[in-house]
Amino acid sequence: MTLIKTSLLTAISTVVKILAGFLINKIIAVYSGPSGLAVVGQLQNFITMSTTLSNGAIAQGVVKYTAEYKSTKEKQKIFSSSLIISLVSSFFVSLALISLSQYWSELILKDIKYESVFVVFGITIVLFSLNTILMSILNGQKEIKKYVIVNVVSSFFALVFISFLIIQLDLIGALYALVINQSIVFFVTLAFVIKSKWFKLKHFKHGIDKDSFFKLGKFSLMAVTTVLTVPMSHLIVRNYMGESLGWDAAGYWQGIWYISGAYLMVITTSLSVYYLPRLSEIKDKSELKKEVLAGYKLIMPIAIFLALSVYLLKEYIILIAFSESFMPMIDLFLWQLVGDVIKIASWLLGYITLAKAMTKTYISLEIFGSLSFIGLSIYFIDLYGLVGVTYAFSLNYAIYMFVLFFIYKRYVNENIIA
């Protein structure tokens, strides 16, 4: 399946997801205001870290090797190993969530009254983990139509479920919904994959395969690095904003970050669904160059057009997506959108380090990028106030892009094994 076909299919689920997300965030904004949105952002970052750790951080590895292996026997080793790794990992993460629920509530949400949210999260997180494995296999098998349908159904369910709990229970309802939603979606995913040829229980009963374990382990190291750096950097920056500028300001940044994620989802979803499996299976470097160039020709004009459209419609977007109380975030748009375009340009190269399991390179870049973002954000916030975080975002991705370009040039011109 080509990038264009994949983009068209994933665009359907992405549009549905964006619309559902807009409605959910609108309800949160109306019921809880900017400070409530900031709290939701804190929990979302924590959920990202916890759920990635709960499946051993092997999701991208499952996608890569499911796509790369042609032998059914080899695929089964990946399926079986990934299941055991996920079950063991989710057990320990669940234990940590439940036993330290008071600590997490106070550390992440700044109030012990949300303790029960983390207990519920701990009880249901194993289903998060299993859902991630099934979706990763669907992606690797390139069953894009089924992958899209599952995402569309999941988005509709999330909209209804999360909106209901927010309206009924206000902010704490939103928090409960966030930690439960994906677990319930597991049963939706299961209903769709159960008829797939690859989904047979015997394929998951081969135990841990040593070779598969070590191969997935490379991706685990990379994913753990990402999950402990990117969301953590956002937690630190948002917390710094909350304490130095107020939690309403942190809510404005959460709002602009959500808008970026929403409109760029059209691109990032296509990249994750198409690019990782495609780059993983390419062996010839001249073919790799062509694929990357084709990606730039198709993706960058779209990214620039979308960013420009968002900038021109920024006032309407704030009123539609949030409320009038979020108008102070209007000053954040320009450099956030510039950073978004640079981010997409860098990701087209960055996926190579992931697809080719360039473990040391990937980990080094993630750590450097996150530390740089934290340092630049604090520096520019102190100098320019809230808008400074968008300066930091753009500059950080410009540096990231510059470094990735030289890594890419070396990789395609030399026989480097990372």
Protein backbone atom coordinates (compact mmCIF):
# COMPACT_ATOMS: atom_id res chain seq x y z
CA MET A 1 0.00 0.00 0.00
CA THR A 2 1.42 3.43 -0.97
CA LEU A 3 1.86 6.45 1.27
CA ILE A 4 -0.95 8.26 -0.61
CA LYS A 5 -3.44 5.39 -0.17
CA THR A 6 -2.45 4.96 3.46
CA SER A 7 -2.77 8.71 4.03
CA LEU A 8 -6.28 8.76 2.54
CA LEU A 9 -7.42 5.84 4.68
CA THR A 10 -5.86 7.08 7.89
CA ALA A 11 -7.21 10.56 7.16
CA ILE A 12 -10.72 9.19 7.73
CA SER A 13 -9.95 7.91 11.23
CA THR A 14 -7.84 10.99 11.93
CA VAL A 15 -10.64 13.42 11.05
CA VAL A 16 -13.03 11.48 13.29
CA LYS A 17 -10.45 11.45 16.08
CA ILE A 18 -9.81 15.18 15.71
CA LEU A 19 -13.52 16.01 15.80
CA ALA A 20 -14.05 13.76 18.83
CA GLY A 21 -11.03 15.33 20.52
CA PHE A 22 -12.28 18.85 19.82
CA LEU A 23 -15.63 18.09 21.42
CA ILE A 24 -14.00 16.42 24.43
CA ASN A 25 -11.61 19.33 24.99
CA LYS A 26 -14.43 21.81 24.50
CA ILE A 27 -16.39 20.14 27.29
CA ILE A 28 -13.33 20.08 29.57
CA ALA A 29 -12.66 23.76 28.81
CA VAL A 30 -16.25 24.76 29.57
CA TYR A 31 -16.61 22.66 32.73
CA SER A 32 -13.09 23.01 34.18
CA GLY A 33 -11.42 26.03 32.53
CA PRO A 34 -7.72 26.51 31.66
CA SER A 35 -6.43 25.14 34.99
CA GLY A 36 -8.57 22.00 34.58
CA LEU A 37 -7.16 21.47 31.08
CA ALA A 38 -3.65 21.77 32.54
CA VAL A 39 -4.46 19.02 35.09
CA VAL A 40 -5.80 16.80 32.29
CA GLY A 41 -2.57 17.44 30.37
CA GLN A 42 -0.51 16.34 33.37
CA LEU A 43 -2.46 13.07 33.62
CA GLN A 44 -2.25 12.46 29.86
CA ASN A 45 1.55 12.68 29.99
CA PHE A 46 1.61 10.29 32.96
CA ILE A 47 -0.71 7.87 31.12
CA THR A 48 1.61 7.92 28.10
CA MET A 49 4.58 6.98 30.28
CA SER A 50 2.72 4.31 32.25
CA THR A 51 1.05 2.58 29.30
CA THR A 52 4.28 2.47 27.31
CA LEU A 53 6.05 0.84 30.23
CA SER A 54 3.11 -1.53 30.79
CA ASN A 55 3.73 -3.35 27.50
CA GLY A 56 7.48 -3.35 27.93
CA ALA A 57 7.76 -0.43 25.50
CA ILE A 58 7.85 -2.88 22.57
CA ALA A 59 4.97 -1.59 20.41
CA GLN A 60 7.17 -0.12 17.65
CA GLY A 61 9.31 -3.26 17.67
CA VAL A 62 6.21 -5.41 17.15
CA VAL A 63 5.23 -3.22 14.17
CA LYS A 64 8.72 -3.42 12.66
CA TYR A 65 9.26 -7.18 12.92
CA THR A 66 5.68 -8.10 12.03
CA ALA A 67 6.15 -6.09 8.83
CA GLU A 68 9.69 -7.29 8.19
CA TYR A 69 9.28 -11.04 8.72
CA LYS A 70 7.71 -13.00 5.89
CA SER A 71 7.76 -16.36 7.67
CA THR A 72 4.68 -17.21 9.76
CA LYS A 73 6.91 -19.05 12.22
CA GLU A 74 9.07 -15.96 12.78
CA LYS A 75 5.98 -13.79 13.25
CA GLN A 76 4.61 -16.22 15.85
CA LYS A 77 7.79 -15.88 17.89
CA ILE A 78 7.27 -12.12 17.96
CA PHE A 79 3.58 -12.46 18.86
CA SER A 80 4.22 -14.89 21.70
CA SER A 81 7.22 -13.03 23.10
CA SER A 82 5.39 -9.69 22.98
CA LEU A 83 2.41 -11.11 24.88
CA ILE A 84 4.52 -12.45 27.74
CA ILE A 85 6.62 -9.28 27.94
CA SER A 86 3.40 -7.20 28.09
CA LEU A 87 1.75 -9.32 30.78
CA VAL A 88 4.81 -9.27 33.03
CA SER A 89 5.45 -5.55 32.50
CA SER A 90 1.82 -4.56 33.10
CA PHE A 91 1.79 -6.56 36.35
CA PHE A 92 4.68 -4.55 37.79
CA VAL A 93 3.35 -1.21 36.52
CA SER A 94 -0.07 -2.04 37.99
CA LEU A 95 1.53 -2.84 41.34
CA ALA A 96 3.38 0.49 41.32
CA LEU A 97 0.22 2.45 40.42
CA ILE A 98 -1.96 0.89 43.11
CA SER A 99 0.55 0.75 45.96
CA LEU A 100 1.78 4.33 45.35
CA SER A 101 -1.57 5.86 44.37
CA GLN A 102 -1.41 8.61 47.00
CA TYR A 103 2.11 9.55 45.95
CA TRP A 104 1.21 9.74 42.24
CA SER A 105 -1.92 11.78 42.98
CA GLU A 106 0.03 14.39 44.91
CA LEU A 107 3.03 14.41 42.54
CA ILE A 108 1.17 14.52 39.21
CA LEU A 109 -2.17 16.18 40.03
CA LYS A 110 -1.06 18.19 43.08
CA ASP A 111 -3.94 16.84 45.22
CA ILE A 112 -4.32 13.60 47.17
CA LYS A 113 -8.09 13.53 46.49
CA TYR A 114 -7.44 11.97 43.07
CA GLU A 115 -5.87 8.84 44.57
CA SER A 116 -8.70 6.58 43.35
CA VAL A 117 -7.97 7.56 39.74
CA PHE A 118 -4.57 5.88 39.97
CA VAL A 119 -6.03 2.80 41.68
CA VAL A 120 -8.52 2.36 38.82
CA PHE A 121 -5.72 2.93 36.33
CA GLY A 122 -3.65 0.21 37.99
CA ILE A 123 -6.51 -2.29 37.83
CA THR A 124 -7.24 -1.73 34.13
CA ILE A 125 -3.78 -1.07 32.69
CA VAL A 126 -3.25 -4.68 31.54
CA LEU A 127 -6.04 -4.13 28.99
CA PHE A 128 -4.26 -0.99 27.75
CA SER A 129 -1.21 -3.16 27.20
CA LEU A 130 -3.04 -5.93 25.34
CA ASN A 131 -4.84 -3.42 23.12
CA THR A 132 -1.52 -1.85 22.15
CA ILE A 133 -0.09 -5.24 21.13
CA LEU A 134 -3.10 -6.08 18.95
CA MET A 135 -3.05 -2.68 17.25
CA SER A 136 0.71 -2.96 16.66
CA ILE A 137 0.26 -6.35 14.97
CA LEU A 138 -2.57 -4.94 12.81
CA ASN A 139 -0.25 -2.12 11.75
CA GLY A 140 2.65 -4.48 11.03
CA GLN A 141 0.39 -6.81 9.04
CA LYS A 142 -0.64 -3.76 7.00
CA GLU A 143 -4.34 -4.43 7.59
CA ILE A 144 -4.86 -0.71 7.22
CA LYS A 145 -8.61 -0.81 6.55
CA LYS A 146 -9.25 -2.79 9.71
CA TYR A 147 -6.81 -0.57 11.61
CA VAL A 148 -8.74 2.50 10.49
CA ILE A 149 -12.14 1.02 11.38
CA VAL A 150 -10.98 0.14 14.90
CA ASN A 151 -9.69 3.69 15.38
CA VAL A 152 -12.94 5.23 14.14
CA VAL A 153 -15.08 3.08 16.45
CA SER A 154 -12.70 3.81 19.33
CA SER A 155 -12.97 7.56 18.74
CA PHE A 156 -16.77 7.48 18.79
CA PHE A 157 -16.74 5.43 21.98
CA ALA A 158 -14.21 7.77 23.62
CA LEU A 159 -16.34 10.80 22.76
CA VAL A 160 -19.49 9.35 24.31
CA PHE A 161 -17.80 7.79 27.34
CA ILE A 162 -15.51 10.68 28.25
CA SER A 163 -18.15 13.36 27.62
CA PHE A 164 -20.68 11.52 29.79
CA LEU A 165 -18.29 11.23 32.75
CA ILE A 166 -17.16 14.87 32.44
CA ILE A 167 -20.74 16.14 32.44
CA GLN A 168 -21.71 13.87 35.34
CA LEU A 169 -18.62 14.22 37.54
CA ASP A 170 -16.80 17.33 36.24
CA LEU A 171 -12.97 17.22 36.30
CA ILE A 172 -12.62 13.94 38.18
CA GLY A 173 -14.96 12.36 35.61
CA ALA A 174 -12.53 13.38 32.88
CA LEU A 175 -9.65 11.83 34.82
CA TYR A 176 -11.50 8.55 35.35
CA ALA A 177 -12.46 8.44 31.69
CA LEU A 178 -8.87 8.95 30.55
CA VAL A 179 -7.55 6.01 32.58
CA ILE A 180 -10.41 3.64 31.70
CA ASN A 181 -11.21 4.43 28.05
CA GLN A 182 -8.46 2.55 26.23
CA SER A 183 -8.97 -0.52 28.41
CA ILE A 184 -12.59 -0.82 27.31
CA VAL A 185 -11.52 -0.21 23.70
CA PHE A 186 -9.48 -3.43 23.94
CA PHE A 187 -12.71 -5.41 23.54
CA VAL A 188 -13.57 -3.39 20.42
CA THR A 189 -10.15 -4.19 18.95
CA LEU A 190 -10.49 -7.86 19.88
CA ALA A 191 -13.85 -8.09 18.10
CA PHE A 192 -12.26 -6.84 14.88
CA VAL A 193 -9.05 -8.88 14.90
CA ILE A 194 -10.54 -12.18 16.03
CA LYS A 195 -11.35 -13.10 12.40
CA SER A 196 -7.92 -12.16 11.07
CA LYS A 197 -5.84 -15.05 9.72
CA TRP A 198 -2.93 -14.24 12.00
CA PHE A 199 -5.09 -14.19 15.15
CA LYS A 200 -4.98 -17.70 16.53
CA LEU A 201 -4.37 -18.44 20.20
CA LYS A 202 -1.74 -21.04 19.35
CA HIS A 203 0.35 -18.29 17.74
CA PHE A 204 0.69 -16.66 21.17
CA LYS A 205 1.63 -19.81 23.10
CA HIS A 206 5.27 -20.31 22.09
CA GLY A 207 6.73 -18.67 25.17
CA ILE A 208 9.68 -16.28 25.10
CA ASP A 209 11.97 -16.63 22.10
CA LYS A 210 15.49 -15.48 23.00
CA ASP A 211 16.26 -13.87 19.64
CA SER A 212 12.88 -12.08 19.53
CA PHE A 213 13.33 -10.94 23.13
CA PHE A 214 16.64 -9.23 22.36
CA LYS A 215 15.35 -7.69 19.13
CA LEU A 216 12.28 -6.29 20.88
CA GLY A 217 14.57 -5.23 23.70
CA LYS A 218 16.29 -2.74 21.39
CA PHE A 219 12.96 -1.08 20.71
CA SER A 220 12.11 -1.27 24.38
CA LEU A 221 15.22 0.74 25.22
CA MET A 222 14.32 3.32 22.57
CA ALA A 223 10.67 3.57 23.61
CA VAL A 224 11.49 3.72 27.32
CA THR A 225 13.90 6.55 26.57
CA THR A 226 11.17 8.41 24.67
CA VAL A 227 8.54 7.82 27.33
CA LEU A 228 10.86 8.92 30.12
CA THR A 229 12.08 12.01 28.27
CA VAL A 230 9.38 13.58 26.08
CA PRO A 231 6.32 13.35 28.41
CA MET A 232 8.58 13.98 31.41
CA SER A 233 9.97 17.11 29.78
CA HIS A 234 6.40 18.32 29.25
CA LEU A 235 5.52 17.56 32.87
CA ILE A 236 8.54 19.55 34.05
CA VAL A 237 7.91 22.50 31.71
CA ARG A 238 4.17 22.60 32.51
CA ASN A 239 4.91 22.42 36.23
CA TYR A 240 7.44 25.26 35.89
CA MET A 241 4.81 27.35 34.08
CA GLY A 242 2.20 26.56 36.73
CA GLU A 243 4.47 27.62 39.56
CA SER A 244 6.01 30.69 37.89
CA LEU A 245 3.18 31.98 35.66
CA GLY A 246 0.07 30.33 37.16
CA TRP A 247 -1.88 27.22 36.19
CA ASP A 248 -4.11 29.13 33.80
CA ALA A 249 -0.98 29.90 31.76
CA ALA A 250 -0.10 26.21 31.83
CA GLY A 251 -3.61 25.54 30.56
CA TYR A 252 -3.09 27.92 27.62
CA TRP A 253 0.06 26.03 26.64
CA GLN A 254 -1.81 22.75 26.96
CA GLY A 255 -4.43 24.22 24.63
CA ILE A 256 -1.96 25.23 21.91
CA TRP A 257 -0.22 21.87 22.26
CA TYR A 258 -3.54 20.13 21.76
CA ILE A 259 -4.28 22.18 18.62
CA SER A 260 -0.86 21.25 17.20
CA GLY A 261 -1.41 17.58 17.92
CA ALA A 262 -4.92 17.68 16.44
CA TYR A 263 -4.17 19.20 13.03
CA LEU A 264 -0.85 17.37 12.63
CA MET A 265 -2.51 14.05 13.44
CA VAL A 266 -3.43 13.76 9.76
CA ILE A 267 0.29 13.60 9.00
CA THR A 268 1.70 11.82 12.05
CA THR A 269 -0.85 8.99 11.85
CA SER A 270 0.04 8.32 8.20
CA LEU A 271 3.73 8.34 9.08
CA SER A 272 3.34 5.87 11.94
CA VAL A 273 1.02 3.55 9.99
CA TYR A 274 2.89 3.64 6.67
CA TYR A 275 6.44 4.86 7.25
CA LEU A 276 7.70 2.58 10.00
CA PRO A 277 6.64 -0.69 8.30
CA ARG A 278 7.78 0.63 4.90
CA LEU A 279 11.19 1.86 6.02
CA SER A 280 11.68 -1.33 8.03
CA GLU A 281 11.31 -3.54 4.97
CA ILE A 282 13.57 -1.46 2.67
CA LYS A 283 17.06 -2.95 2.38
CA ASP A 284 18.48 -0.92 -0.52
CA LYS A 285 19.72 2.56 0.43
CA SER A 286 18.95 4.09 -2.98
CA GLU A 287 15.35 2.94 -2.50
CA LEU A 288 15.41 4.46 0.99
CA LYS A 289 16.49 7.82 -0.48
CA LYS A 290 13.59 7.72 -2.95
CA GLU A 291 11.09 6.92 -0.19
CA VAL A 292 12.33 9.77 1.99
CA LEU A 293 12.29 12.23 -0.93
CA ALA A 294 8.76 11.13 -1.88
CA GLY A 295 7.74 11.69 1.72
CA TYR A 296 9.06 15.26 1.69
CA LYS A 297 7.36 16.06 -1.63
CA LEU A 298 4.00 14.86 -0.37
CA ILE A 299 4.07 15.67 3.34
CA MET A 300 5.79 19.06 3.64
CA PRO A 301 3.36 21.04 1.42
CA ILE A 302 0.49 19.57 3.45
CA ALA A 303 2.20 20.49 6.75
CA ILE A 304 2.84 24.07 5.62
CA PHE A 305 -0.70 24.48 4.28
CA LEU A 306 -2.26 23.15 7.49
CA ALA A 307 -0.05 25.34 9.71
CA LEU A 308 -0.85 28.45 7.67
CA SER A 309 -4.59 27.67 7.77
CA VAL A 310 -4.52 27.24 11.54
CA TYR A 311 -2.68 30.55 11.95
CA LEU A 312 -5.20 32.46 9.81
CA LEU A 313 -8.14 30.90 11.66
CA LYS A 314 -6.61 31.00 15.14
CA GLU A 315 -9.28 33.16 16.80
CA TYR A 316 -12.12 31.01 15.52
CA ILE A 317 -10.27 27.83 16.52
CA ILE A 318 -9.87 29.06 20.11
CA LEU A 319 -13.57 29.90 20.39
CA ILE A 320 -14.72 26.66 18.76
CA ALA A 321 -12.27 24.31 20.49
CA PHE A 322 -12.23 25.95 23.91
CA SER A 323 -13.90 29.16 25.11
CA GLU A 324 -13.34 32.91 25.27
CA SER A 325 -11.39 32.48 28.51
CA PHE A 326 -8.62 30.83 26.43
CA MET A 327 -8.04 33.94 24.23
CA PRO A 328 -4.70 34.79 25.90
CA MET A 329 -3.22 31.77 24.10
CA ILE A 330 -3.52 33.59 20.76
CA ASP A 331 0.05 34.91 21.12
CA LEU A 332 1.39 31.35 21.17
CA PHE A 333 0.34 30.39 17.65
CA LEU A 334 3.04 31.85 15.40
CA TRP A 335 6.16 30.15 16.72
CA GLN A 336 4.31 27.01 17.78
CA LEU A 337 3.19 26.51 14.16
CA VAL A 338 6.67 27.27 12.81
CA GLY A 339 7.96 24.62 15.20
CA ASP A 340 5.31 22.17 14.01
CA VAL A 341 6.50 22.43 10.41
CA ILE A 342 10.13 21.90 11.44
CA LYS A 343 9.02 19.00 13.63
CA ILE A 344 7.40 17.16 10.71
CA ALA A 345 10.46 17.77 8.52
CA SER A 346 12.67 16.25 11.21
CA TRP A 347 10.36 13.28 11.82
CA LEU A 348 10.65 12.19 8.19
CA LEU A 349 14.33 11.61 8.90
CA GLY A 350 13.88 10.56 12.50
CA TYR A 351 11.80 7.52 11.54
CA ILE A 352 14.91 6.05 9.90
CA THR A 353 16.68 5.77 13.26
CA LEU A 354 13.66 3.88 14.60
CA ALA A 355 13.04 1.66 11.56
CA LYS A 356 16.70 0.64 11.33
CA ALA A 357 16.96 0.07 15.11
CA MET A 358 19.74 2.64 15.46
CA THR A 359 19.48 2.27 19.21
CA LYS A 360 22.38 4.38 20.46
CA THR A 361 21.66 7.19 18.00
CA TYR A 362 17.95 7.26 18.80
CA ILE A 363 18.45 7.25 22.57
CA SER A 364 21.10 9.97 22.43
CA LEU A 365 18.85 12.20 20.30
CA GLU A 366 15.82 11.73 22.57
CA ILE A 367 17.76 12.56 25.73
CA PHE A 368 19.50 15.53 24.12
CA GLY A 369 16.24 16.86 22.60
CA SER A 370 14.28 16.66 25.85
CA LEU A 371 16.99 18.20 28.02
CA SER A 372 17.44 20.93 25.43
CA PHE A 373 13.69 21.64 25.39
CA ILE A 374 13.54 21.92 29.18
CA GLY A 375 16.57 24.22 29.32
CA LEU A 376 15.45 26.42 26.44
CA SER A 377 11.89 26.62 27.79
CA ILE A 378 12.96 27.76 31.25
CA TYR A 379 15.39 30.28 29.73
CA PHE A 380 12.87 31.79 27.28
CA ILE A 381 9.96 31.72 29.78
CA ASP A 382 12.07 33.72 32.22
CA LEU A 383 12.92 36.21 29.45
CA TYR A 384 9.63 36.49 27.54
CA GLY A 385 6.92 34.91 29.66
CA LEU A 386 4.58 32.21 28.34
CA VAL A 387 5.30 32.88 24.65
CA GLY A 388 8.90 31.90 25.37
CA VAL A 389 7.97 28.22 25.42
CA THR A 390 7.04 28.42 21.72
CA TYR A 391 10.42 30.01 20.92
CA ALA A 392 12.04 27.09 22.74
CA PHE A 393 9.91 24.58 20.83
CA SER A 394 10.86 25.96 17.39
CA LEU A 395 14.55 26.37 18.17
CA ASN A 396 14.77 22.91 19.72
CA TYR A 397 13.34 21.21 16.63
CA ALA A 398 15.56 23.27 14.33
CA ILE A 399 18.60 21.91 16.19
CA TYR A 400 17.11 18.40 16.11
CA MET A 401 16.52 18.65 12.35
CA PHE A 402 20.10 19.84 11.75
CA VAL A 403 21.57 16.87 13.65
CA LEU A 404 19.25 14.34 11.98
CA PHE A 405 20.18 15.58 8.51
CA PHE A 406 23.85 14.75 9.06
CA ILE A 407 22.99 11.36 10.58
CA TYR A 408 20.84 10.58 7.52
CA LYS A 409 23.58 11.65 5.08
CA ARG A 410 26.11 9.42 6.82
CA TYR A 411 23.71 6.47 6.93
CA VAL A 412 22.84 6.50 3.23
CA ASN A 413 26.41 7.19 2.09
CA GLU A 414 28.25 4.79 4.38
CA ASN A 415 27.77 1.24 5.58
CA ILE A 416 26.95 2.16 9.17
CA ILE A 417 25.54 -0.33 11.63
CA ALA A 418 23.95 1.45 14.60
